[in-house]
Amino acid sequence: MALFGRSDKQGSGKPGEWYYCLDHAKVEEGPQCPSKNRMGPYATRVEAEHAMDRAAERNREWENDERWGDGGRPEGQ
């Protein structure tokens, strides 16, 4: 049996949790879209609204993290 083999279309989540839907580029409460297309859960709507900003910030931090030893992005990117 697959670890994430759920038969329902929505996946996990519950009302009162906020998500950012990548397909629709909008904030949703509870499990409206499949979990593979969501970021979250977030505690508040405002946090979910800033999901893409936070992801971009984390990507910048990761790209510039000296512990990875590559000094940032690979050449040509």
PDB file of N, CA and C in Angstrom:
ATOM      1  N   MET A   1       0.845  -1.178   0.000  1.00  0.00           N
ATOM      2  CA  MET A   1       0.000   0.000   0.000  1.00  0.00           C
ATOM      3  C   MET A   1       0.887   1.237   0.000  1.00  0.00           C
ATOM      4  N   ALA A   2       0.520   2.196  -0.844  1.00  0.00           N
ATOM      5  CA  ALA A   2       1.286   3.438  -0.941  1.00  0.00           C
ATOM      6  C   ALA A   2       1.106   4.277   0.317  1.00  0.00           C
ATOM      7  N   LEU A   3       2.161   4.953   0.682  1.00  0.00           N
ATOM      8  CA  LEU A   3       2.131   5.773   1.888  1.00  0.00           C
ATOM      9  C   LEU A   3       1.079   6.865   1.812  1.00  0.00           C
ATOM     10  N   PHE A   4       0.959   7.522   0.666  1.00  0.00           N
ATOM     11  CA  PHE A   4      -0.003   8.597   0.505  1.00  0.00           C
ATOM     12  C   PHE A   4      -1.162   8.187  -0.394  1.00  0.00           C
ATOM     13  N   GLY A   5      -1.486   6.945  -0.421  1.00  0.00           N
ATOM     14  CA  GLY A   5      -2.527   6.433  -1.290  1.00  0.00           C
ATOM     15  C   GLY A   5      -3.926   6.693  -0.776  1.00  0.00           C
ATOM     16  N   ARG A   6      -4.355   7.913  -0.808  1.00  0.00           N
ATOM     17  CA  ARG A   6      -5.708   8.263  -0.380  1.00  0.00           C
ATOM     18  C   ARG A   6      -6.618   8.231  -1.591  1.00  0.00           C
ATOM     19  N   SER A   7      -7.816   7.744  -1.397  1.00  0.00           N
ATOM     20  CA  SER A   7      -8.750   7.663  -2.507  1.00  0.00           C
ATOM     21  C   SER A   7      -9.545   8.949  -2.688  1.00  0.00           C
ATOM     22  N   ASP A   8      -9.623   9.774  -1.649  1.00  0.00           N
ATOM     23  CA  ASP A   8     -10.380  11.011  -1.808  1.00  0.00           C
ATOM     24  C   ASP A   8      -9.577  12.019  -2.608  1.00  0.00           C
ATOM     25  N   LYS A   9     -10.273  12.903  -3.290  1.00  0.00           N
ATOM     26  CA  LYS A   9      -9.643  13.862  -4.179  1.00  0.00           C
ATOM     27  C   LYS A   9      -8.936  14.988  -3.438  1.00  0.00           C
ATOM     28  N   GLN A  10      -9.381  15.307  -2.243  1.00  0.00           N
ATOM     29  CA  GLN A  10      -8.875  16.472  -1.539  1.00  0.00           C
ATOM     30  C   GLN A  10      -7.610  16.232  -0.740  1.00  0.00           C
ATOM     31  N   GLY A  11      -7.388  15.065  -0.249  1.00  0.00           N
ATOM     32  CA  GLY A  11      -6.231  14.825   0.585  1.00  0.00           C
ATOM     33  C   GLY A  11      -6.496  15.231   2.012  1.00  0.00           C
ATOM     34  N   SER A  12      -5.432  15.466   2.757  1.00  0.00           N
ATOM     35  CA  SER A  12      -5.583  15.777   4.171  1.00  0.00           C
ATOM     36  C   SER A  12      -5.829  17.260   4.380  1.00  0.00           C
ATOM     37  N   GLY A  13      -6.342  17.594   5.533  1.00  0.00           N
ATOM     38  CA  GLY A  13      -6.628  18.968   5.902  1.00  0.00           C
ATOM     39  C   GLY A  13      -7.969  19.035   6.594  1.00  0.00           C
ATOM     40  N   LYS A  14      -8.214  20.152   7.259  1.00  0.00           N
ATOM     41  CA  LYS A  14      -9.486  20.297   7.953  1.00  0.00           C
ATOM     42  C   LYS A  14      -9.886  21.760   8.011  1.00  0.00           C
ATOM     43  N   PRO A  15     -11.162  22.029   8.163  1.00  0.00           N
ATOM     44  CA  PRO A  15     -11.601  23.420   8.273  1.00  0.00           C
ATOM     45  C   PRO A  15     -10.893  24.119   9.432  1.00  0.00           C
ATOM     46  N   GLY A  16     -10.627  25.400   9.275  1.00  0.00           N
ATOM     47  CA  GLY A  16      -9.906  26.157  10.289  1.00  0.00           C
ATOM     48  C   GLY A  16      -8.419  26.241   9.990  1.00  0.00           C
ATOM     49  N   GLU A  17      -7.956  25.438   9.052  1.00  0.00           N
ATOM     50  CA  GLU A  17      -6.578  25.523   8.585  1.00  0.00           C
ATOM     51  C   GLU A  17      -6.598  26.263   7.250  1.00  0.00           C
ATOM     52  N   TRP A  18      -5.600  27.070   7.025  1.00  0.00           N
ATOM     53  CA  TRP A  18      -5.524  27.864   5.807  1.00  0.00           C
ATOM     54  C   TRP A  18      -4.419  27.353   4.910  1.00  0.00           C
ATOM     55  N   TYR A  19      -4.668  27.371   3.608  1.00  0.00           N
ATOM     56  CA  TYR A  19      -3.740  26.864   2.609  1.00  0.00           C
ATOM     57  C   TYR A  19      -3.619  27.861   1.462  1.00  0.00           C
ATOM     58  N   TYR A  20      -2.508  27.771   0.748  1.00  0.00           N
ATOM     59  CA  TYR A  20      -2.369  28.521  -0.485  1.00  0.00           C
ATOM     60  C   TYR A  20      -2.411  27.509  -1.612  1.00  0.00           C
ATOM     61  N   CYS A  21      -3.388  27.647  -2.515  1.00  0.00           N
ATOM     62  CA  CYS A  21      -3.544  26.727  -3.639  1.00  0.00           C
ATOM     63  C   CYS A  21      -2.666  27.196  -4.787  1.00  0.00           C
ATOM     64  N   LEU A  22      -1.754  26.346  -5.208  1.00  0.00           N
ATOM     65  CA  LEU A  22      -0.845  26.683  -6.294  1.00  0.00           C
ATOM     66  C   LEU A  22      -1.556  26.692  -7.641  1.00  0.00           C
ATOM     67  N   ASP A  23      -2.560  25.854  -7.827  1.00  0.00           N
ATOM     68  CA  ASP A  23      -3.296  25.808  -9.087  1.00  0.00           C
ATOM     69  C   ASP A  23      -4.126  27.061  -9.312  1.00  0.00           C
ATOM     70  N   HIS A  24      -4.796  27.523  -8.266  1.00  0.00           N
ATOM     71  CA  HIS A  24      -5.702  28.654  -8.393  1.00  0.00           C
ATOM     72  C   HIS A  24      -5.086  29.981  -7.950  1.00  0.00           C
ATOM     73  N   ALA A  25      -3.876  29.924  -7.385  1.00  0.00           N
ATOM     74  CA  ALA A  25      -3.171  31.116  -6.885  1.00  0.00           C
ATOM     75  C   ALA A  25      -4.056  31.905  -5.928  1.00  0.00           C
ATOM     76  N   LYS A  26      -4.647  31.173  -4.971  1.00  0.00           N
ATOM     77  CA  LYS A  26      -5.494  31.843  -3.980  1.00  0.00           C
ATOM     78  C   LYS A  26      -5.474  31.090  -2.660  1.00  0.00           C
ATOM     79  N   VAL A  27      -5.923  31.776  -1.618  1.00  0.00           N
ATOM     80  CA  VAL A  27      -5.999  31.221  -0.280  1.00  0.00           C
ATOM     81  C   VAL A  27      -7.300  30.447  -0.140  1.00  0.00           C
ATOM     82  N   GLU A  28      -7.230  29.291   0.513  1.00  0.00           N
ATOM     83  CA  GLU A  28      -8.407  28.465   0.742  1.00  0.00           C
ATOM     84  C   GLU A  28      -8.432  28.010   2.190  1.00  0.00           C
ATOM     85  N   GLU A  29      -9.616  27.903   2.743  1.00  0.00           N
ATOM     86  CA  GLU A  29      -9.770  27.378   4.098  1.00  0.00           C
ATOM     87  C   GLU A  29     -10.157  25.911   3.998  1.00  0.00           C
ATOM     88  N   GLY A  30      -9.430  25.099   4.745  1.00  0.00           N
ATOM     89  CA  GLY A  30      -9.748  23.672   4.767  1.00  0.00           C
ATOM     90  C   GLY A  30      -9.330  22.977   3.481  1.00  0.00           C
ATOM     91  N   PRO A  31      -9.700  21.721   3.360  1.00  0.00           N
ATOM     92  CA  PRO A  31      -9.259  20.897   2.229  1.00  0.00           C
ATOM     93  C   PRO A  31     -10.127  21.088   0.984  1.00  0.00           C
ATOM     94  N   GLN A  32      -9.878  22.137   0.233  1.00  0.00           N
ATOM     95  CA  GLN A  32     -10.659  22.369  -0.983  1.00  0.00           C
ATOM     96  C   GLN A  32     -10.015  21.753  -2.217  1.00  0.00           C
ATOM     97  N   CYS A  33      -8.720  21.869  -2.350  1.00  0.00           N
ATOM     98  CA  CYS A  33      -8.000  21.314  -3.498  1.00  0.00           C
ATOM     99  C   CYS A  33      -7.119  20.157  -3.020  1.00  0.00           C
ATOM    100  N   PRO A  34      -6.665  19.312  -3.947  1.00  0.00           N
ATOM    101  CA  PRO A  34      -5.797  18.201  -3.561  1.00  0.00           C
ATOM    102  C   PRO A  34      -4.552  18.686  -2.818  1.00  0.00           C
ATOM    103  N   SER A  35      -4.120  17.919  -1.862  1.00  0.00           N
ATOM    104  CA  SER A  35      -2.985  18.321  -1.036  1.00  0.00           C
ATOM    105  C   SER A  35      -1.705  18.507  -1.842  1.00  0.00           C
ATOM    106  N   LYS A  36      -1.575  17.822  -2.954  1.00  0.00           N
ATOM    107  CA  LYS A  36      -0.365  17.973  -3.770  1.00  0.00           C
ATOM    108  C   LYS A  36      -0.269  19.359  -4.392  1.00  0.00           C
ATOM    109  N   ASN A  37      -1.365  20.101  -4.414  1.00  0.00           N
ATOM    110  CA  ASN A  37      -1.392  21.426  -5.022  1.00  0.00           C
ATOM    111  C   ASN A  37      -1.475  22.558  -4.012  1.00  0.00           C
ATOM    112  N   ARG A  38      -1.234  22.246  -2.735  1.00  0.00           N
ATOM    113  CA  ARG A  38      -1.384  23.260  -1.688  1.00  0.00           C
ATOM    114  C   ARG A  38      -0.092  23.461  -0.925  1.00  0.00           C
ATOM    115  N   MET A  39       0.056  24.667  -0.394  1.00  0.00           N
ATOM    116  CA  MET A  39       1.105  24.953   0.584  1.00  0.00           C
ATOM    117  C   MET A  39       0.384  25.200   1.897  1.00  0.00           C
ATOM    118  N   GLY A  40       0.923  24.689   2.975  1.00  0.00           N
ATOM    119  CA  GLY A  40       0.290  24.877   4.271  1.00  0.00           C
ATOM    120  C   GLY A  40       0.212  23.569   5.023  1.00  0.00           C
ATOM    121  N   PRO A  41      -0.460  23.540   6.122  1.00  0.00           N
ATOM    122  CA  PRO A  41      -1.427  24.515   6.598  1.00  0.00           C
ATOM    123  C   PRO A  41      -0.761  25.690   7.323  1.00  0.00           C
ATOM    124  N   TYR A  42      -1.480  26.789   7.301  1.00  0.00           N
ATOM    125  CA  TYR A  42      -1.092  27.993   8.017  1.00  0.00           C
ATOM    126  C   TYR A  42      -2.136  28.275   9.085  1.00  0.00           C
ATOM    127  N   ALA A  43      -1.726  28.929  10.150  1.00  0.00           N
ATOM    128  CA  ALA A  43      -2.622  29.197  11.272  1.00  0.00           C
ATOM    129  C   ALA A  43      -3.641  30.290  10.953  1.00  0.00           C
ATOM    130  N   THR A  44      -3.262  31.200  10.056  1.00  0.00           N
ATOM    131  CA  THR A  44      -4.164  32.312   9.736  1.00  0.00           C
ATOM    132  C   THR A  44      -4.242  32.517   8.228  1.00  0.00           C
ATOM    133  N   ARG A  45      -5.282  33.209   7.809  1.00  0.00           N
ATOM    134  CA  ARG A  45      -5.441  33.559   6.396  1.00  0.00           C
ATOM    135  C   ARG A  45      -4.284  34.439   5.930  1.00  0.00           C
ATOM    136  N   VAL A  46      -3.867  35.379   6.763  1.00  0.00           N
ATOM    137  CA  VAL A  46      -2.780  36.300   6.403  1.00  0.00           C
ATOM    138  C   VAL A  46      -1.487  35.523   6.134  1.00  0.00           C
ATOM    139  N   GLU A  47      -1.177  34.545   6.970  1.00  0.00           N
ATOM    140  CA  GLU A  47       0.018  33.730   6.738  1.00  0.00           C
ATOM    141  C   GLU A  47      -0.069  33.012   5.397  1.00  0.00           C
ATOM    142  N   ALA A  48      -1.228  32.463   5.091  1.00  0.00           N
ATOM    143  CA  ALA A  48      -1.422  31.762   3.819  1.00  0.00           C
ATOM    144  C   ALA A  48      -1.304  32.718   2.639  1.00  0.00           C
ATOM    145  N   GLU A  49      -1.789  33.948   2.795  1.00  0.00           N
ATOM    146  CA  GLU A  49      -1.690  34.945   1.735  1.00  0.00           C
ATOM    147  C   GLU A  49      -0.242  35.253   1.368  1.00  0.00           C
ATOM    148  N   HIS A  50       0.661  35.087   2.323  1.00  0.00           N
ATOM    149  CA  HIS A  50       2.075  35.379   2.100  1.00  0.00           C
ATOM    150  C   HIS A  50       2.910  34.115   1.877  1.00  0.00           C
ATOM    151  N   ALA A  51       2.268  33.027   1.519  1.00  0.00           N
ATOM    152  CA  ALA A  51       2.964  31.745   1.329  1.00  0.00           C
ATOM    153  C   ALA A  51       4.044  31.838   0.255  1.00  0.00           C
ATOM    154  N   MET A  52       3.736  32.458  -0.864  1.00  0.00           N
ATOM    155  CA  MET A  52       4.709  32.549  -1.950  1.00  0.00           C
ATOM    156  C   MET A  52       5.867  33.473  -1.586  1.00  0.00           C
ATOM    157  N   ASP A  53       5.583  34.540  -0.842  1.00  0.00           N
ATOM    158  CA  ASP A  53       6.657  35.424  -0.377  1.00  0.00           C
ATOM    159  C   ASP A  53       7.610  34.673   0.537  1.00  0.00           C
ATOM    160  N   ARG A  54       7.034  33.907   1.443  1.00  0.00           N
ATOM    161  CA  ARG A  54       7.855  33.140   2.393  1.00  0.00           C
ATOM    162  C   ARG A  54       8.675  32.076   1.666  1.00  0.00           C
ATOM    163  N   ALA A  55       8.074  31.432   0.671  1.00  0.00           N
ATOM    164  CA  ALA A  55       8.808  30.431  -0.104  1.00  0.00           C
ATOM    165  C   ALA A  55       9.973  31.078  -0.850  1.00  0.00           C
ATOM    166  N   ALA A  56       9.748  32.241  -1.438  1.00  0.00           N
ATOM    167  CA  ALA A  56      10.821  32.949  -2.144  1.00  0.00           C
ATOM    168  C   ALA A  56      11.946  33.336  -1.181  1.00  0.00           C
ATOM    169  N   GLU A  57      11.558  33.789   0.013  1.00  0.00           N
ATOM    170  CA  GLU A  57      12.555  34.155   1.028  1.00  0.00           C
ATOM    171  C   GLU A  57      13.389  32.944   1.430  1.00  0.00           C
ATOM    172  N   ARG A  58      12.729  31.830   1.645  1.00  0.00           N
ATOM    173  CA  ARG A  58      13.456  30.614   2.022  1.00  0.00           C
ATOM    174  C   ARG A  58      14.371  30.152   0.892  1.00  0.00           C
ATOM    175  N   ASN A  59      13.925  30.273  -0.351  1.00  0.00           N
ATOM    176  CA  ASN A  59      14.773  29.895  -1.482  1.00  0.00           C
ATOM    177  C   ASN A  59      16.022  30.761  -1.545  1.00  0.00           C
ATOM    178  N   ARG A  60      15.859  32.074  -1.337  1.00  0.00           N
ATOM    179  CA  ARG A  60      17.031  32.965  -1.322  1.00  0.00           C
ATOM    180  C   ARG A  60      18.003  32.571  -0.220  1.00  0.00           C
ATOM    181  N   GLU A  61      17.478  32.274   0.959  1.00  0.00           N
ATOM    182  CA  GLU A  61      18.339  31.865   2.072  1.00  0.00           C
ATOM    183  C   GLU A  61      19.089  30.591   1.726  1.00  0.00           C
ATOM    184  N   TRP A  62      18.400  29.651   1.127  1.00  0.00           N
ATOM    185  CA  TRP A  62      19.012  28.376   0.769  1.00  0.00           C
ATOM    186  C   TRP A  62      20.078  28.568  -0.309  1.00  0.00           C
ATOM    187  N   GLU A  63      19.774  29.379  -1.310  1.00  0.00           N
ATOM    188  CA  GLU A  63      20.719  29.609  -2.399  1.00  0.00           C
ATOM    189  C   GLU A  63      22.004  30.275  -1.912  1.00  0.00           C
ATOM    190  N   ASN A  64      21.909  31.057  -0.847  1.00  0.00           N
ATOM    191  CA  ASN A  64      23.074  31.775  -0.337  1.00  0.00           C
ATOM    192  C   ASN A  64      23.665  31.147   0.921  1.00  0.00           C
ATOM    193  N   ASP A  65      23.239  29.973   1.271  1.00  0.00           N
ATOM    194  CA  ASP A  65      23.715  29.292   2.470  1.00  0.00           C
ATOM    195  C   ASP A  65      25.102  28.712   2.203  1.00  0.00           C
ATOM    196  N   GLU A  66      26.083  29.231   2.914  1.00  0.00           N
ATOM    197  CA  GLU A  66      27.472  28.793   2.733  1.00  0.00           C
ATOM    198  C   GLU A  66      27.687  27.327   3.086  1.00  0.00           C
ATOM    199  N   ARG A  67      26.812  26.767   3.890  1.00  0.00           N
ATOM    200  CA  ARG A  67      26.968  25.356   4.272  1.00  0.00           C
ATOM    201  C   ARG A  67      26.835  24.418   3.078  1.00  0.00           C
ATOM    202  N   TRP A  68      26.213  24.883   1.991  1.00  0.00           N
ATOM    203  CA  TRP A  68      26.083  24.040   0.800  1.00  0.00           C
ATOM    204  C   TRP A  68      27.360  24.054  -0.016  1.00  0.00           C
ATOM    205  N   GLY A  69      28.218  25.043   0.203  1.00  0.00           N
ATOM    206  CA  GLY A  69      29.546  25.045  -0.400  1.00  0.00           C
ATOM    207  C   GLY A  69      29.618  25.379  -1.878  1.00  0.00           C
ATOM    208  N   ASP A  70      28.514  25.803  -2.474  1.00  0.00           N
ATOM    209  CA  ASP A  70      28.607  26.126  -3.888  1.00  0.00           C
ATOM    210  C   ASP A  70      28.572  27.635  -4.140  1.00  0.00           C
ATOM    211  N   GLY A  71      28.478  28.407  -3.080  1.00  0.00           N
ATOM    212  CA  GLY A  71      28.538  29.853  -3.209  1.00  0.00           C
ATOM    213  C   GLY A  71      27.348  30.489  -3.900  1.00  0.00           C
ATOM    214  N   GLY A  72      26.243  29.833  -3.904  1.00  0.00           N
ATOM    215  CA  GLY A  72      25.052  30.409  -4.531  1.00  0.00           C
ATOM    216  C   GLY A  72      24.569  29.552  -5.679  1.00  0.00           C
ATOM    217  N   ARG A  73      23.942  30.196  -6.636  1.00  0.00           N
ATOM    218  CA  ARG A  73      23.374  29.479  -7.787  1.00  0.00           C
ATOM    219  C   ARG A  73      24.458  28.939  -8.707  1.00  0.00           C
ATOM    220  N   PRO A  74      24.155  27.821  -9.362  1.00  0.00           N
ATOM    221  CA  PRO A  74      25.098  27.298 -10.367  1.00  0.00           C
ATOM    222  C   PRO A  74      25.246  28.284 -11.512  1.00  0.00           C
ATOM    223  N   GLU A  75      26.366  28.181 -12.255  1.00  0.00           N
ATOM    224  CA  GLU A  75      26.604  29.067 -13.388  1.00  0.00           C
ATOM    225  C   GLU A  75      25.465  28.979 -14.381  1.00  0.00           C
ATOM    226  N   GLY A  76      25.108  30.128 -14.958  1.00  0.00           N
ATOM    227  CA  GLY A  76      24.086  30.154 -15.985  1.00  0.00           C
ATOM    228  C   GLY A  76      22.669  30.258 -15.462  1.00  0.00           C
ATOM    229  N   GLN A  77      22.499  30.364 -14.155  1.00  0.00           N
ATOM    230  CA  GLN A  77      21.139  30.465 -13.602  1.00  0.00           C
ATOM    231  C   GLN A  77      20.963  31.727 -12.834  1.00  0.00           C
TER     232      GLN A  77
END
